[in-house]
All heavy atoms as atom14 arrays in JSON, in Angstrom:
{
  "sequence": "SLDNVPKEVRDAVKLCVLDSISVALGAADYELIKNITNTYFRMGII",
  "atom14_mask": [
    [1, 1, 1, 1, 1, 1, 0, 0, 0, 0, 0, 0, 0, 0],
    [1, 1, 1, 1, 1, 1, 1, 1, 0, 0, 0, 0, 0, 0],
    [1, 1, 1, 1, 1, 1, 1, 1, 0, 0, 0, 0, 0, 0],
    [1, 1, 1, 1, 1, 1, 1, 1, 0, 0, 0, 0, 0, 0],
    [1, 1, 1, 1, 1, 1, 1, 0, 0, 0, 0, 0, 0, 0],
    [1, 1, 1, 1, 1, 1, 1, 0, 0, 0, 0, 0, 0, 0],
    [1, 1, 1, 1, 1, 1, 1, 1, 1, 0, 0, 0, 0, 0],
    [1, 1, 1, 1, 1, 1, 1, 1, 1, 0, 0, 0, 0, 0],
    [1, 1, 1, 1, 1, 1, 1, 0, 0, 0, 0, 0, 0, 0],
    [1, 1, 1, 1, 1, 1, 1, 1, 1, 1, 1, 0, 0, 0],
    [1, 1, 1, 1, 1, 1, 1, 1, 0, 0, 0, 0, 0, 0],
    [1, 1, 1, 1, 1, 0, 0, 0, 0, 0, 0, 0, 0, 0],
    [1, 1, 1, 1, 1, 1, 1, 0, 0, 0, 0, 0, 0, 0],
    [1, 1, 1, 1, 1, 1, 1, 1, 1, 0, 0, 0, 0, 0],
    [1, 1, 1, 1, 1, 1, 1, 1, 0, 0, 0, 0, 0, 0],
    [1, 1, 1, 1, 1, 1, 0, 0, 0, 0, 0, 0, 0, 0],
    [1, 1, 1, 1, 1, 1, 1, 0, 0, 0, 0, 0, 0, 0],
    [1, 1, 1, 1, 1, 1, 1, 1, 0, 0, 0, 0, 0, 0],
    [1, 1, 1, 1, 1, 1, 1, 1, 0, 0, 0, 0, 0, 0],
    [1, 1, 1, 1, 1, 1, 0, 0, 0, 0, 0, 0, 0, 0],
    [1, 1, 1, 1, 1, 1, 1, 1, 0, 0, 0, 0, 0, 0],
    [1, 1, 1, 1, 1, 1, 0, 0, 0, 0, 0, 0, 0, 0],
    [1, 1, 1, 1, 1, 1, 1, 0, 0, 0, 0, 0, 0, 0],
    [1, 1, 1, 1, 1, 0, 0, 0, 0, 0, 0, 0, 0, 0],
    [1, 1, 1, 1, 1, 1, 1, 1, 0, 0, 0, 0, 0, 0],
    [1, 1, 1, 1, 0, 0, 0, 0, 0, 0, 0, 0, 0, 0],
    [1, 1, 1, 1, 1, 0, 0, 0, 0, 0, 0, 0, 0, 0],
    [1, 1, 1, 1, 1, 0, 0, 0, 0, 0, 0, 0, 0, 0],
    [1, 1, 1, 1, 1, 1, 1, 1, 0, 0, 0, 0, 0, 0],
    [1, 1, 1, 1, 1, 1, 1, 1, 1, 1, 1, 1, 0, 0],
    [1, 1, 1, 1, 1, 1, 1, 1, 1, 0, 0, 0, 0, 0],
    [1, 1, 1, 1, 1, 1, 1, 1, 0, 0, 0, 0, 0, 0],
    [1, 1, 1, 1, 1, 1, 1, 1, 0, 0, 0, 0, 0, 0],
    [1, 1, 1, 1, 1, 1, 1, 1, 1, 0, 0, 0, 0, 0],
    [1, 1, 1, 1, 1, 1, 1, 1, 0, 0, 0, 0, 0, 0],
    [1, 1, 1, 1, 1, 1, 1, 1, 0, 0, 0, 0, 0, 0],
    [1, 1, 1, 1, 1, 1, 1, 0, 0, 0, 0, 0, 0, 0],
    [1, 1, 1, 1, 1, 1, 1, 1, 0, 0, 0, 0, 0, 0],
    [1, 1, 1, 1, 1, 1, 1, 0, 0, 0, 0, 0, 0, 0],
    [1, 1, 1, 1, 1, 1, 1, 1, 1, 1, 1, 1, 0, 0],
    [1, 1, 1, 1, 1, 1, 1, 1, 1, 1, 1, 0, 0, 0],
    [1, 1, 1, 1, 1, 1, 1, 1, 1, 1, 1, 0, 0, 0],
    [1, 1, 1, 1, 1, 1, 1, 1, 0, 0, 0, 0, 0, 0],
    [1, 1, 1, 1, 0, 0, 0, 0, 0, 0, 0, 0, 0, 0],
    [1, 1, 1, 1, 1, 1, 1, 1, 0, 0, 0, 0, 0, 0],
    [1, 1, 1, 1, 1, 1, 1, 1, 0, 0, 0, 0, 0, 0]
  ],
  "atom14_positions": [
    [[0.86, -1.19, 0.0], [0.0, 0.0, 0.0], [0.89, 1.24, 0.0], [1.88, 1.29, 0.74], [-0.9, 0.02, 1.23], [-1.55, 1.27, 1.36], [0.0, 0.0, 0.0], [0.0, 0.0, 0.0], [0.0, 0.0, 0.0], [0.0, 0.0, 0.0], [0.0, 0.0, 0.0], [0.0, 0.0, 0.0], [0.0, 0.0, 0.0], [0.0, 0.0, 0.0]],
    [[0.53, 2.21, -0.8], [1.31, 3.43, -0.87], [1.38, 4.11, 0.5], [2.37, 4.78, 0.83], [0.7, 4.39, -1.9], [1.58, 5.56, -2.34], [2.82, 5.08, -3.08], [0.78, 6.52, -3.21], [0.0, 0.0, 0.0], [0.0, 0.0, 0.0], [0.0, 0.0, 0.0], [0.0, 0.0, 0.0], [0.0, 0.0, 0.0], [0.0, 0.0, 0.0]],
    [[0.36, 3.91, 1.31], [0.32, 4.54, 2.64], [1.45, 4.04, 3.54], [1.86, 4.74, 4.47], [-1.02, 4.24, 3.32], [-2.2, 4.87, 2.59], [-1.99, 5.9, 1.91], [-3.31, 4.31, 2.67], [0.0, 0.0, 0.0], [0.0, 0.0, 0.0], [0.0, 0.0, 0.0], [0.0, 0.0, 0.0], [0.0, 0.0, 0.0], [0.0, 0.0, 0.0]],
    [[1.94, 2.85, 3.26], [2.99, 2.25, 4.09], [4.39, 2.34, 3.47], [5.34, 1.8, 4.0], [2.66, 0.78, 4.38], [1.35, 0.63, 5.13], [1.0, 1.47, 5.96], [0.61, -0.43, 4.84], [0.0, 0.0, 0.0], [0.0, 0.0, 0.0], [0.0, 0.0, 0.0], [0.0, 0.0, 0.0], [0.0, 0.0, 0.0], [0.0, 0.0, 0.0]],
    [[4.47, 3.04, 2.36], [5.75, 3.19, 1.66], [6.44, 4.45, 2.17], [5.79, 5.5, 2.32], [5.51, 3.29, 0.13], [6.8, 3.66, -0.59], [4.97, 1.96, -0.39], [0.0, 0.0, 0.0], [0.0, 0.0, 0.0], [0.0, 0.0, 0.0], [0.0, 0.0, 0.0], [0.0, 0.0, 0.0], [0.0, 0.0, 0.0], [0.0, 0.0, 0.0]],
    [[7.75, 4.4, 2.45], [8.46, 5.59, 2.92], [8.31, 6.78, 1.97], [8.23, 6.61, 0.75], [9.92, 5.12, 2.99], [9.83, 3.65, 3.15], [8.63, 3.22, 2.37], [0.0, 0.0, 0.0], [0.0, 0.0, 0.0], [0.0, 0.0, 0.0], [0.0, 0.0, 0.0], [0.0, 0.0, 0.0], [0.0, 0.0, 0.0], [0.0, 0.0, 0.0]],
    [[8.31, 7.98, 2.54], [8.13, 9.19, 1.74], [9.2, 9.33, 0.66], [8.9, 9.77, -0.46], [8.15, 10.43, 2.63], [7.87, 11.74, 1.87], [7.89, 12.95, 2.77], [7.52, 14.22, 2.0], [8.43, 14.48, 0.87], [0.0, 0.0, 0.0], [0.0, 0.0, 0.0], [0.0, 0.0, 0.0], [0.0, 0.0, 0.0], [0.0, 0.0, 0.0]],
    [[10.42, 8.97, 0.96], [11.48, 9.11, -0.05], [11.2, 8.23, -1.26], [11.55, 8.59, -2.4], [12.86, 8.79, 0.54], [13.02, 7.37, 1.03], [14.44, 7.08, 1.49], [15.37, 7.77, 1.02], [14.61, 6.16, 2.32], [0.0, 0.0, 0.0], [0.0, 0.0, 0.0], [0.0, 0.0, 0.0], [0.0, 0.0, 0.0], [0.0, 0.0, 0.0]],
    [[10.55, 7.11, -1.05], [10.18, 6.24, -2.17], [9.02, 6.85, -2.94], [9.01, 6.84, -4.18], [9.82, 4.83, -1.66], [9.38, 3.93, -2.82], [11.0, 4.2, -0.93], [0.0, 0.0, 0.0], [0.0, 0.0, 0.0], [0.0, 0.0, 0.0], [0.0, 0.0, 0.0], [0.0, 0.0, 0.0], [0.0, 0.0, 0.0], [0.0, 0.0, 0.0]],
    [[8.04, 7.4, -2.23], [6.91, 8.04, -2.9], [7.37, 9.22, -3.75], [6.83, 9.47, -4.83], [5.87, 8.51, -1.87], [5.26, 7.38, -1.04], [3.97, 7.8, -0.37], [4.11, 8.98, 0.48], [4.41, 8.95, 1.78], [4.62, 7.77, 2.37], [4.49, 10.05, 2.48], [0.0, 0.0, 0.0], [0.0, 0.0, 0.0], [0.0, 0.0, 0.0]],
    [[8.36, 9.94, -3.27], [8.9, 11.06, -4.04], [9.71, 10.56, -5.24], [9.61, 11.09, -6.35], [9.78, 11.94, -3.15], [8.98, 12.69, -2.09], [7.75, 12.83, -2.26], [9.59, 13.11, -1.09], [0.0, 0.0, 0.0], [0.0, 0.0, 0.0], [0.0, 0.0, 0.0], [0.0, 0.0, 0.0], [0.0, 0.0, 0.0], [0.0, 0.0, 0.0]],
    [[10.51, 9.54, -5.0], [11.4, 9.03, -6.05], [10.62, 8.39, -7.19], [11.0, 8.51, -8.37], [12.38, 8.03, -5.46], [0.0, 0.0, 0.0], [0.0, 0.0, 0.0], [0.0, 0.0, 0.0], [0.0, 0.0, 0.0], [0.0, 0.0, 0.0], [0.0, 0.0, 0.0], [0.0, 0.0, 0.0], [0.0, 0.0, 0.0], [0.0, 0.0, 0.0]],
    [[9.53, 7.71, -6.87], [8.8, 7.01, -7.93], [8.21, 8.0, -8.94], [8.16, 7.71, -10.15], [7.7, 6.09, -7.34], [6.58, 6.88, -6.67], [7.13, 5.19, -8.43], [0.0, 0.0, 0.0], [0.0, 0.0, 0.0], [0.0, 0.0, 0.0], [0.0, 0.0, 0.0], [0.0, 0.0, 0.0], [0.0, 0.0, 0.0], [0.0, 0.0, 0.0]],
    [[7.83, 9.18, -8.48], [7.28, 10.17, -9.42], [8.36, 10.68, -10.37], [8.08, 10.96, -11.55], [6.63, 11.32, -8.64], [5.32, 10.91, -7.97], [4.59, 12.08, -7.32], [5.25, 12.52, -6.02], [4.45, 13.55, -5.33], [0.0, 0.0, 0.0], [0.0, 0.0, 0.0], [0.0, 0.0, 0.0], [0.0, 0.0, 0.0], [0.0, 0.0, 0.0]],
    [[9.58, 10.77, -9.89], [10.69, 11.16, -10.78], [10.99, 10.05, -11.78], [11.34, 10.32, -12.94], [11.93, 11.5, -9.96], [11.83, 12.77, -9.11], [13.11, 12.96, -8.29], [11.58, 14.0, -9.98], [0.0, 0.0, 0.0], [0.0, 0.0, 0.0], [0.0, 0.0, 0.0], [0.0, 0.0, 0.0], [0.0, 0.0, 0.0], [0.0, 0.0, 0.0]],
    [[10.85, 8.79, -11.35], [11.02, 7.67, -12.27], [9.98, 7.74, -13.39], [10.3, 7.53, -14.57], [10.87, 6.33, -11.52], [12.22, 5.91, -10.42], [0.0, 0.0, 0.0], [0.0, 0.0, 0.0], [0.0, 0.0, 0.0], [0.0, 0.0, 0.0], [0.0, 0.0, 0.0], [0.0, 0.0, 0.0], [0.0, 0.0, 0.0], [0.0, 0.0, 0.0]],
    [[8.76, 8.03, -13.0], [7.67, 8.14, -13.99], [7.93, 9.29, -14.95], [7.79, 9.15, -16.17], [6.32, 8.31, -13.29], [5.22, 8.59, -14.31], [5.98, 7.06, -12.47], [0.0, 0.0, 0.0], [0.0, 0.0, 0.0], [0.0, 0.0, 0.0], [0.0, 0.0, 0.0], [0.0, 0.0, 0.0], [0.0, 0.0, 0.0], [0.0, 0.0, 0.0]],
    [[8.32, 10.45, -14.41], [8.59, 11.61, -15.26], [9.7, 11.32, -16.25], [9.58, 11.61, -17.45], [8.97, 12.81, -14.4], [9.36, 14.08, -15.18], [8.21, 14.58, -16.03], [9.85, 15.17, -14.22], [0.0, 0.0, 0.0], [0.0, 0.0, 0.0], [0.0, 0.0, 0.0], [0.0, 0.0, 0.0], [0.0, 0.0, 0.0], [0.0, 0.0, 0.0]],
    [[10.79, 10.73, -15.77], [11.92, 10.43, -16.65], [11.49, 9.46, -17.75], [11.82, 9.66, -18.93], [13.06, 9.83, -15.82], [14.37, 9.79, -16.59], [14.78, 10.82, -17.16], [15.0, 8.71, -16.64], [0.0, 0.0, 0.0], [0.0, 0.0, 0.0], [0.0, 0.0, 0.0], [0.0, 0.0, 0.0], [0.0, 0.0, 0.0], [0.0, 0.0, 0.0]],
    [[10.74, 8.44, -17.4], [10.34, 7.42, -18.37], [9.37, 7.96, -19.41], [9.51, 7.69, -20.6], [9.72, 6.22, -17.64], [10.66, 5.61, -16.78], [0.0, 0.0, 0.0], [0.0, 0.0, 0.0], [0.0, 0.0, 0.0], [0.0, 0.0, 0.0], [0.0, 0.0, 0.0], [0.0, 0.0, 0.0], [0.0, 0.0, 0.0], [0.0, 0.0, 0.0]],
    [[8.38, 8.73, -18.96], [7.4, 9.26, -19.91], [8.03, 10.3, -20.83], [7.76, 10.32, -22.04], [6.2, 9.86, -19.14], [5.37, 8.73, -18.53], [5.33, 10.71, -20.06], [4.16, 9.19, -17.73], [0.0, 0.0, 0.0], [0.0, 0.0, 0.0], [0.0, 0.0, 0.0], [0.0, 0.0, 0.0], [0.0, 0.0, 0.0], [0.0, 0.0, 0.0]],
    [[8.9, 11.14, -20.29], [9.51, 12.17, -21.13], [10.41, 11.56, -22.2], [10.43, 12.02, -23.34], [10.3, 13.15, -20.27], [11.41, 12.54, -19.64], [0.0, 0.0, 0.0], [0.0, 0.0, 0.0], [0.0, 0.0, 0.0], [0.0, 0.0, 0.0], [0.0, 0.0, 0.0], [0.0, 0.0, 0.0], [0.0, 0.0, 0.0], [0.0, 0.0, 0.0]],
    [[11.12, 10.51, -21.83], [11.99, 9.84, -22.81], [11.15, 9.21, -23.92], [11.53, 9.25, -25.1], [12.85, 8.77, -22.09], [13.52, 7.86, -23.09], [13.9, 9.45, -21.22], [0.0, 0.0, 0.0], [0.0, 0.0, 0.0], [0.0, 0.0, 0.0], [0.0, 0.0, 0.0], [0.0, 0.0, 0.0], [0.0, 0.0, 0.0], [0.0, 0.0, 0.0]],
    [[10.0, 8.63, -23.55], [9.11, 8.06, -24.55], [8.52, 9.14, -25.46], [8.49, 8.99, -26.69], [7.99, 7.27, -23.87], [0.0, 0.0, 0.0], [0.0, 0.0, 0.0], [0.0, 0.0, 0.0], [0.0, 0.0, 0.0], [0.0, 0.0, 0.0], [0.0, 0.0, 0.0], [0.0, 0.0, 0.0], [0.0, 0.0, 0.0], [0.0, 0.0, 0.0]],
    [[8.08, 10.24, -24.87], [7.51, 11.33, -25.67], [8.55, 11.93, -26.6], [8.23, 12.36, -27.71], [6.92, 12.4, -24.75], [5.64, 12.03, -24.01], [5.23, 13.15, -23.06], [4.52, 11.72, -24.98], [0.0, 0.0, 0.0], [0.0, 0.0, 0.0], [0.0, 0.0, 0.0], [0.0, 0.0, 0.0], [0.0, 0.0, 0.0], [0.0, 0.0, 0.0]],
    [[9.8, 11.94, -26.16], [10.86, 12.45, -27.01], [11.08, 11.59, -28.25], [11.67, 12.05, -29.23], [0.0, 0.0, 0.0], [0.0, 0.0, 0.0], [0.0, 0.0, 0.0], [0.0, 0.0, 0.0], [0.0, 0.0, 0.0], [0.0, 0.0, 0.0], [0.0, 0.0, 0.0], [0.0, 0.0, 0.0], [0.0, 0.0, 0.0], [0.0, 0.0, 0.0]],
    [[10.6, 10.34, -28.21], [10.77, 9.43, -29.35], [9.53, 9.34, -30.22], [9.49, 8.54, -31.16], [11.13, 8.04, -28.83], [0.0, 0.0, 0.0], [0.0, 0.0, 0.0], [0.0, 0.0, 0.0], [0.0, 0.0, 0.0], [0.0, 0.0, 0.0], [0.0, 0.0, 0.0], [0.0, 0.0, 0.0], [0.0, 0.0, 0.0], [0.0, 0.0, 0.0]],
    [[8.51, 10.15, -29.93], [7.25, 10.04, -30.68], [7.44, 10.29, -32.17], [6.73, 9.71, -33.0], [6.22, 11.03, -30.11], [0.0, 0.0, 0.0], [0.0, 0.0, 0.0], [0.0, 0.0, 0.0], [0.0, 0.0, 0.0], [0.0, 0.0, 0.0], [0.0, 0.0, 0.0], [0.0, 0.0, 0.0], [0.0, 0.0, 0.0], [0.0, 0.0, 0.0]],
    [[8.42, 11.13, -32.54], [8.68, 11.4, -33.95], [9.95, 10.71, -34.45], [10.45, 11.01, -35.54], [8.82, 12.92, -34.18], [7.48, 13.63, -34.12], [6.46, 13.0, -34.47], [7.44, 14.8, -33.71], [0.0, 0.0, 0.0], [0.0, 0.0, 0.0], [0.0, 0.0, 0.0], [0.0, 0.0, 0.0], [0.0, 0.0, 0.0], [0.0, 0.0, 0.0]],
    [[10.47, 9.79, -33.66], [11.64, 9.0, -34.07], [11.28, 8.21, -35.32], [10.2, 7.63, -35.42], [12.0, 8.08, -32.92], [13.29, 7.3, -33.06], [14.51, 7.94, -33.14], [13.27, 5.91, -33.08], [15.69, 7.23, -33.24], [14.44, 5.17, -33.18], [15.65, 5.84, -33.26], [16.81, 5.11, -33.36], [0.0, 0.0, 0.0], [0.0, 0.0, 0.0]],
    [[12.16, 8.19, -36.31], [11.81, 7.63, -37.62], [11.27, 6.2, -37.54], [10.26, 5.87, -38.18], [13.02, 7.69, -38.55], [12.71, 7.2, -39.96], [13.9, 7.31, -40.89], [15.0, 7.66, -40.41], [13.73, 7.03, -42.09], [0.0, 0.0, 0.0], [0.0, 0.0, 0.0], [0.0, 0.0, 0.0], [0.0, 0.0, 0.0], [0.0, 0.0, 0.0]],
    [[11.94, 5.35, -36.79], [11.5, 3.96, -36.71], [10.12, 3.86, -36.07], [9.27, 3.08, -36.53], [12.51, 3.13, -35.91], [12.19, 1.64, -35.73], [12.02, 0.95, -37.08], [13.27, 0.95, -34.91], [0.0, 0.0, 0.0], [0.0, 0.0, 0.0], [0.0, 0.0, 0.0], [0.0, 0.0, 0.0], [0.0, 0.0, 0.0], [0.0, 0.0, 0.0]],
    [[9.88, 4.64, -35.02], [8.57, 4.63, -34.37], [7.5, 5.11, -35.35], [6.4, 4.52, -35.44], [8.58, 5.52, -33.11], [9.55, 4.96, -32.06], [7.17, 5.66, -32.53], [9.2, 3.59, -31.54], [0.0, 0.0, 0.0], [0.0, 0.0, 0.0], [0.0, 0.0, 0.0], [0.0, 0.0, 0.0], [0.0, 0.0, 0.0], [0.0, 0.0, 0.0]],
    [[7.78, 6.16, -36.1], [6.8, 6.66, -37.07], [6.5, 5.61, -38.14], [5.34, 5.45, -38.55], [7.31, 7.95, -37.73], [7.27, 9.16, -36.82], [7.39, 10.46, -37.59], [8.74, 10.6, -38.26], [8.89, 11.92, -38.9], [0.0, 0.0, 0.0], [0.0, 0.0, 0.0], [0.0, 0.0, 0.0], [0.0, 0.0, 0.0], [0.0, 0.0, 0.0]],
    [[7.53, 4.91, -38.59], [7.32, 3.87, -39.61], [6.44, 2.75, -39.07], [5.57, 2.23, -39.76], [8.66, 3.31, -40.07], [9.47, 4.3, -40.88], [8.93, 5.28, -41.39], [10.77, 4.06, -41.01], [0.0, 0.0, 0.0], [0.0, 0.0, 0.0], [0.0, 0.0, 0.0], [0.0, 0.0, 0.0], [0.0, 0.0, 0.0], [0.0, 0.0, 0.0]],
    [[6.69, 2.37, -37.81], [5.9, 1.3, -37.19], [4.45, 1.73, -37.03], [3.52, 1.0, -37.4], [6.49, 0.91, -35.83], [7.86, 0.23, -36.03], [5.55, -0.03, -35.07], [8.66, 0.07, -34.75], [0.0, 0.0, 0.0], [0.0, 0.0, 0.0], [0.0, 0.0, 0.0], [0.0, 0.0, 0.0], [0.0, 0.0, 0.0], [0.0, 0.0, 0.0]],
    [[4.24, 2.93, -36.48], [2.86, 3.38, -36.26], [2.12, 3.61, -37.58], [0.91, 3.34, -37.66], [2.83, 4.67, -35.42], [3.67, 5.67, -36.02], [3.34, 4.39, -34.0], [0.0, 0.0, 0.0], [0.0, 0.0, 0.0], [0.0, 0.0, 0.0], [0.0, 0.0, 0.0], [0.0, 0.0, 0.0], [0.0, 0.0, 0.0], [0.0, 0.0, 0.0]],
    [[2.82, 4.05, -38.6], [2.18, 4.22, -39.91], [1.73, 2.87, -40.47], [0.64, 2.74, -41.05], [3.13, 4.9, -40.89], [3.3, 6.38, -40.61], [2.46, 7.0, -39.95], [4.38, 6.97, -41.1], [0.0, 0.0, 0.0], [0.0, 0.0, 0.0], [0.0, 0.0, 0.0], [0.0, 0.0, 0.0], [0.0, 0.0, 0.0], [0.0, 0.0, 0.0]],
    [[2.57, 1.86, -40.32], [2.21, 0.52, -40.78], [1.0, 0.0, -40.02], [0.05, -0.53, -40.61], [3.39, -0.45, -40.59], [4.48, -0.02, -41.41], [3.0, -1.87, -40.99], [0.0, 0.0, 0.0], [0.0, 0.0, 0.0], [0.0, 0.0, 0.0], [0.0, 0.0, 0.0], [0.0, 0.0, 0.0], [0.0, 0.0, 0.0], [0.0, 0.0, 0.0]],
    [[1.02, 0.16, -38.7], [-0.1, -0.3, -37.88], [-1.39, 0.44, -38.24], [-2.47, -0.16, -38.25], [0.23, -0.08, -36.39], [1.08, -1.16, -35.77], [2.12, -1.77, -36.48], [0.88, -1.57, -34.46], [2.9, -2.75, -35.91], [1.67, -2.56, -33.87], [2.68, -3.15, -34.61], [3.46, -4.12, -34.04], [0.0, 0.0, 0.0], [0.0, 0.0, 0.0]],
    [[-1.26, 1.73, -38.54], [-2.45, 2.53, -38.89], [-3.03, 2.05, -40.22], [-4.25, 1.87, -40.34], [-2.09, 4.01, -38.96], [-3.27, 4.91, -39.17], [-4.06, 5.29, -38.09], [-3.61, 5.36, -40.43], [-5.16, 6.12, -38.28], [-4.7, 6.18, -40.63], [-5.48, 6.56, -39.56], [0.0, 0.0, 0.0], [0.0, 0.0, 0.0], [0.0, 0.0, 0.0]],
    [[-2.17, 1.85, -41.2], [-2.65, 1.41, -42.52], [-3.33, 0.05, -42.46], [-4.25, -0.24, -43.22], [-1.48, 1.36, -43.51], [-0.98, 2.73, -43.96], [-0.1, 2.62, -45.19], [1.07, 1.78, -44.95], [2.23, 2.23, -44.49], [2.37, 3.53, -44.23], [3.24, 1.41, -44.31], [0.0, 0.0, 0.0], [0.0, 0.0, 0.0], [0.0, 0.0, 0.0]],
    [[-2.87, -0.8, -41.54], [-3.44, -2.14, -41.42], [-4.63, -2.18, -40.46], [-5.21, -3.24, -40.23], [-2.37, -3.12, -40.94], [-1.24, -3.29, -41.94], [-0.06, -4.58, -41.47], [-1.1, -6.05, -41.67], [0.0, 0.0, 0.0], [0.0, 0.0, 0.0], [0.0, 0.0, 0.0], [0.0, 0.0, 0.0], [0.0, 0.0, 0.0], [0.0, 0.0, 0.0]],
    [[-5.01, -1.02, -39.9], [-6.17, -0.96, -39.03], [-5.94, -1.47, -37.63], [-6.89, -1.68, -36.87], [0.0, 0.0, 0.0], [0.0, 0.0, 0.0], [0.0, 0.0, 0.0], [0.0, 0.0, 0.0], [0.0, 0.0, 0.0], [0.0, 0.0, 0.0], [0.0, 0.0, 0.0], [0.0, 0.0, 0.0], [0.0, 0.0, 0.0], [0.0, 0.0, 0.0]],
    [[-4.68, -1.67, -37.26], [-4.36, -2.16, -35.91], [-4.56, -1.05, -34.89], [-4.96, -1.29, -33.75], [-2.91, -2.69, -35.87], [-2.77, -3.86, -36.84], [-2.53, -3.12, -34.45], [-1.34, -4.34, -37.02], [0.0, 0.0, 0.0], [0.0, 0.0, 0.0], [0.0, 0.0, 0.0], [0.0, 0.0, 0.0], [0.0, 0.0, 0.0], [0.0, 0.0, 0.0]],
    [[-4.29, 0.18, -35.32], [-4.52, 1.35, -34.47], [-5.41, 2.32, -35.23], [-5.56, 2.23, -36.44], [-3.21, 2.04, -34.07], [-2.41, 2.43, -35.32], [-2.39, 1.15, -33.17], [-1.12, 3.16, -35.0], [0.0, 0.0, 0.0], [0.0, 0.0, 0.0], [0.0, 0.0, 0.0], [0.0, 0.0, 0.0], [0.0, 0.0, 0.0], [0.0, 0.0, 0.0]]
  ]
}
C-alpha cells in the first residue's frame, strides 16, 4: 500500500515516472517509431 511506503520512495517514484514518460515522448517522432505506427495505422491495428 502506498500509505505504508516511505516518503522518499513516494517522491522518487514520481521522478522515475517523469523520466520514463519524457523519454518516450521524445521518441514520438523518431523515424523507426513513425514507420511502425504508420504501418499499424494502414493495417487498421490502431
